[in-house]
């Protein structure tokens, strides 16, 4: 009889705990959704072109200013490599060497420094930009 009471108590306790975890999970999911919306709003209202890419150089994010500046719609650049999208042909080899060096060492000449360089517009013309590269984890 004592064993049944303990088991019953644990089941009720687990049910209550599960319910509490479900409520906490739901609250965290809403908080995460709100945070993601806020993040998207910040990106979309930024006055600078912001581009996010993964460790393979694949574009993972592209804000409205990047669209307006480069001529590339977000839907068409997501999944493309940055080097073949906005890096002019004469700079691609140096860009790719620098990118590989960064992946190996975590260091780079342009990392956290503003440099003046040209970018490639969708229509093929080059235009001057101030570039800053920041690594986030």
C-alpha atoms as a PDB file:
ATOM      1  CA  UNK A   1       0.000   0.000   0.000  1.00  0.00           C
ATOM      2  CA  UNK A   2       2.808   2.421   0.769  1.00  0.00           C
ATOM      3  CA  UNK A   3       4.421   1.707  -2.618  1.00  0.00           C
ATOM      4  CA  UNK A   4       1.183   2.568  -4.396  1.00  0.00           C
ATOM      5  CA  UNK A   5       0.863   5.847  -2.533  1.00  0.00           C
ATOM      6  CA  UNK A   6       4.410   6.848  -3.413  1.00  0.00           C
ATOM      7  CA  UNK A   7       3.933   5.919  -7.068  1.00  0.00           C
ATOM      8  CA  UNK A   8       0.613   7.741  -7.200  1.00  0.00           C
ATOM      9  CA  UNK A   9       2.167  10.782  -5.573  1.00  0.00           C
ATOM     10  CA  UNK A  10       5.030  10.752  -8.097  1.00  0.00           C
ATOM     11  CA  UNK A  11       2.606  10.463 -11.020  1.00  0.00           C
ATOM     12  CA  UNK A  12       0.576  13.393  -9.725  1.00  0.00           C
ATOM     13  CA  UNK A  13       3.790  15.286  -9.080  1.00  0.00           C
ATOM     14  CA  UNK A  14       5.021  14.534 -12.590  1.00  0.00           C
ATOM     15  CA  UNK A  15       1.710  15.612 -14.052  1.00  0.00           C
ATOM     16  CA  UNK A  16       1.917  18.878 -12.154  1.00  0.00           C
ATOM     17  CA  UNK A  17       5.559  19.257 -13.117  1.00  0.00           C
ATOM     18  CA  UNK A  18       4.787  18.489 -16.760  1.00  0.00           C
ATOM     19  CA  UNK A  19       2.034  21.074 -16.726  1.00  0.00           C
ATOM     20  CA  UNK A  20       4.396  23.591 -15.166  1.00  0.00           C
ATOM     21  CA  UNK A  21       7.098  22.773 -17.754  1.00  0.00           C
ATOM     22  CA  UNK A  22       4.518  23.107 -20.561  1.00  0.00           C
ATOM     23  CA  UNK A  23       3.531  26.559 -19.280  1.00  0.00           C
ATOM     24  CA  UNK A  24       7.170  27.591 -18.933  1.00  0.00           C
ATOM     25  CA  UNK A  25       7.987  26.219 -22.415  1.00  0.00           C
ATOM     26  CA  UNK A  26       5.027  28.108 -23.903  1.00  0.00           C
ATOM     27  CA  UNK A  27       6.135  31.321 -22.204  1.00  0.00           C
ATOM     28  CA  UNK A  28       9.705  30.826 -23.464  1.00  0.00           C
ATOM     29  CA  UNK A  29       8.440  30.097 -26.987  1.00  0.00           C
ATOM     30  CA  UNK A  30       6.425  33.347 -26.954  1.00  0.00           C
ATOM     31  CA  UNK A  31       9.428  35.241 -25.613  1.00  0.00           C
ATOM     32  CA  UNK A  32      11.645  33.742 -28.343  1.00  0.00           C
ATOM     33  CA  UNK A  33       9.110  34.625 -31.040  1.00  0.00           C
ATOM     34  CA  UNK A  34       8.926  38.180 -29.716  1.00  0.00           C
ATOM     35  CA  UNK A  35      12.716  38.394 -29.629  1.00  0.00           C
ATOM     36  CA  UNK A  36      12.965  37.146 -33.220  1.00  0.00           C
ATOM     37  CA  UNK A  37      10.402  39.720 -34.373  1.00  0.00           C
ATOM     38  CA  UNK A  38      12.334  42.465 -32.594  1.00  0.00           C
ATOM     39  CA  UNK A  39      15.590  41.220 -34.180  1.00  0.00           C
ATOM     40  CA  UNK A  40      13.982  41.273 -37.646  1.00  0.00           C
ATOM     41  CA  UNK A  41      12.624  44.798 -37.060  1.00  0.00           C
ATOM     42  CA  UNK A  42      16.073  46.031 -36.045  1.00  0.00           C
ATOM     43  CA  UNK A  43      17.640  44.466 -39.128  1.00  0.00           C
ATOM     44  CA  UNK A  44      14.980  45.802 -41.484  1.00  0.00           C
ATOM     45  CA  UNK A  45      15.069  49.365 -40.167  1.00  0.00           C
ATOM     46  CA  UNK A  46      18.867  49.643 -40.007  1.00  0.00           C
ATOM     47  CA  UNK A  47      20.325  52.419 -42.132  1.00  0.00           C
ATOM     48  CA  UNK A  48      23.221  50.169 -43.158  1.00  0.00           C
ATOM     49  CA  UNK A  49      23.193  47.089 -45.347  1.00  0.00           C
ATOM     50  CA  UNK A  50      23.474  44.108 -43.000  1.00  0.00           C
ATOM     51  CA  UNK A  51      24.405  40.691 -44.309  1.00  0.00           C
ATOM     52  CA  UNK A  52      24.667  37.519 -42.253  1.00  0.00           C
ATOM     53  CA  UNK A  53      26.471  34.442 -43.472  1.00  0.00           C
ATOM     54  CA  UNK A  54      27.349  31.049 -42.113  1.00  0.00           C
ATOM     55  CA  UNK A  55      30.740  29.381 -41.737  1.00  0.00           C
ATOM     56  CA  UNK A  56      30.667  28.289 -45.377  1.00  0.00           C
ATOM     57  CA  UNK A  57      30.207  31.831 -46.658  1.00  0.00           C
ATOM     58  CA  UNK A  58      26.548  31.170 -47.479  1.00  0.00           C
ATOM     59  CA  UNK A  59      24.247  34.161 -47.069  1.00  0.00           C
ATOM     60  CA  UNK A  60      21.795  33.475 -44.260  1.00  0.00           C
ATOM     61  CA  UNK A  61      20.379  36.967 -43.751  1.00  0.00           C
ATOM     62  CA  UNK A  62      20.004  40.067 -45.913  1.00  0.00           C
ATOM     63  CA  UNK A  63      18.187  43.189 -44.812  1.00  0.00           C
ATOM     64  CA  UNK A  64      16.157  45.724 -46.821  1.00  0.00           C
ATOM     65  CA  UNK A  65      19.077  48.169 -47.071  1.00  0.00           C
ATOM     66  CA  UNK A  66      21.248  45.388 -48.537  1.00  0.00           C
ATOM     67  CA  UNK A  67      18.512  44.816 -51.125  1.00  0.00           C
ATOM     68  CA  UNK A  68      18.323  48.510 -52.014  1.00  0.00           C
ATOM     69  CA  UNK A  69      22.097  48.931 -52.154  1.00  0.00           C
ATOM     70  CA  UNK A  70      22.993  45.797 -54.112  1.00  0.00           C
ATOM     71  CA  UNK A  71      19.929  45.318 -56.288  1.00  0.00           C
ATOM     72  CA  UNK A  72      19.559  41.741 -55.041  1.00  0.00           C
ATOM     73  CA  UNK A  73      16.220  40.751 -53.446  1.00  0.00           C
ATOM     74  CA  UNK A  74      16.568  38.819 -50.187  1.00  0.00           C
ATOM     75  CA  UNK A  75      14.843  35.749 -51.602  1.00  0.00           C
ATOM     76  CA  UNK A  76      17.410  35.485 -54.393  1.00  0.00           C
ATOM     77  CA  UNK A  77      20.549  35.807 -52.254  1.00  0.00           C
ATOM     78  CA  UNK A  78      19.693  33.491 -49.368  1.00  0.00           C
ATOM     79  CA  UNK A  79      21.680  30.314 -49.930  1.00  0.00           C
ATOM     80  CA  UNK A  80      24.190  31.934 -52.317  1.00  0.00           C
ATOM     81  CA  UNK A  81      27.819  32.542 -51.429  1.00  0.00           C
ATOM     82  CA  UNK A  82      28.714  36.088 -50.529  1.00  0.00           C
ATOM     83  CA  UNK A  83      31.802  35.984 -52.751  1.00  0.00           C
ATOM     84  CA  UNK A  84      29.803  35.198 -55.888  1.00  0.00           C
ATOM     85  CA  UNK A  85      27.093  37.714 -55.061  1.00  0.00           C
ATOM     86  CA  UNK A  86      28.689  41.039 -54.138  1.00  0.00           C
ATOM     87  CA  UNK A  87      32.468  40.522 -54.204  1.00  0.00           C
ATOM     88  CA  UNK A  88      33.933  41.812 -57.496  1.00  0.00           C
ATOM     89  CA  UNK A  89      35.870  39.206 -59.490  1.00  0.00           C
ATOM     90  CA  UNK A  90      39.250  40.899 -58.916  1.00  0.00           C
ATOM     91  CA  UNK A  91      38.764  40.641 -55.117  1.00  0.00           C
ATOM     92  CA  UNK A  92      37.329  37.108 -54.856  1.00  0.00           C
ATOM     93  CA  UNK A  93      40.591  35.201 -54.454  1.00  0.00           C
ATOM     94  CA  UNK A  94      41.768  37.544 -51.681  1.00  0.00           C
ATOM     95  CA  UNK A  95      38.332  37.402 -50.025  1.00  0.00           C
ATOM     96  CA  UNK A  96      38.279  33.596 -50.083  1.00  0.00           C
ATOM     97  CA  UNK A  97      41.856  33.351 -48.725  1.00  0.00           C
ATOM     98  CA  UNK A  98      40.966  35.759 -45.936  1.00  0.00           C
ATOM     99  CA  UNK A  99      37.766  33.868 -45.173  1.00  0.00           C
ATOM    100  CA  UNK A 100      39.593  30.508 -44.963  1.00  0.00           C
ATOM    101  CA  UNK A 101      42.245  32.121 -42.735  1.00  0.00           C
ATOM    102  CA  UNK A 102      39.521  33.459 -40.439  1.00  0.00           C
ATOM    103  CA  UNK A 103      37.865  30.038 -40.188  1.00  0.00           C
ATOM    104  CA  UNK A 104      41.189  28.433 -39.217  1.00  0.00           C
ATOM    105  CA  UNK A 105      42.424  31.087 -36.802  1.00  0.00           C
ATOM    106  CA  UNK A 106      39.498  33.284 -35.827  1.00  0.00           C
ATOM    107  CA  UNK A 107      41.589  36.232 -36.973  1.00  0.00           C
ATOM    108  CA  UNK A 108      41.445  38.457 -39.998  1.00  0.00           C
ATOM    109  CA  UNK A 109      42.778  41.743 -41.332  1.00  0.00           C
ATOM    110  CA  UNK A 110      39.303  43.180 -41.866  1.00  0.00           C
ATOM    111  CA  UNK A 111      37.701  41.728 -38.746  1.00  0.00           C
ATOM    112  CA  UNK A 112      36.241  44.567 -36.659  1.00  0.00           C
ATOM    113  CA  UNK A 113      37.918  47.162 -38.863  1.00  0.00           C
ATOM    114  CA  UNK A 114      36.225  49.497 -41.300  1.00  0.00           C
ATOM    115  CA  UNK A 115      37.729  49.363 -44.769  1.00  0.00           C
ATOM    116  CA  UNK A 116      36.867  51.044 -48.033  1.00  0.00           C
ATOM    117  CA  UNK A 117      36.370  48.619 -50.909  1.00  0.00           C
ATOM    118  CA  UNK A 118      34.083  48.103 -53.873  1.00  0.00           C
ATOM    119  CA  UNK A 119      31.095  45.792 -54.048  1.00  0.00           C
ATOM    120  CA  UNK A 120      29.361  44.318 -57.035  1.00  0.00           C
ATOM    121  CA  UNK A 121      25.799  45.389 -57.841  1.00  0.00           C
ATOM    122  CA  UNK A 122      23.387  42.864 -59.302  1.00  0.00           C
ATOM    123  CA  UNK A 123      23.513  44.679 -62.656  1.00  0.00           C
ATOM    124  CA  UNK A 124      27.304  44.276 -62.778  1.00  0.00           C
ATOM    125  CA  UNK A 125      28.565  47.743 -61.856  1.00  0.00           C
ATOM    126  CA  UNK A 126      30.892  48.225 -58.914  1.00  0.00           C
ATOM    127  CA  UNK A 127      30.211  50.777 -56.206  1.00  0.00           C
ATOM    128  CA  UNK A 128      32.225  51.961 -53.189  1.00  0.00           C
ATOM    129  CA  UNK A 129      31.339  50.721 -49.711  1.00  0.00           C
ATOM    130  CA  UNK A 130      32.658  50.988 -46.180  1.00  0.00           C
ATOM    131  CA  UNK A 131      32.850  47.392 -44.979  1.00  0.00           C
ATOM    132  CA  UNK A 132      32.944  46.162 -41.402  1.00  0.00           C
ATOM    133  CA  UNK A 133      33.041  42.450 -40.649  1.00  0.00           C
ATOM    134  CA  UNK A 134      32.112  41.176 -37.193  1.00  0.00           C
ATOM    135  CA  UNK A 135      32.060  37.585 -36.013  1.00  0.00           C
ATOM    136  CA  UNK A 136      29.252  36.518 -33.726  1.00  0.00           C
ATOM    137  CA  UNK A 137      28.561  33.130 -32.240  1.00  0.00           C
END
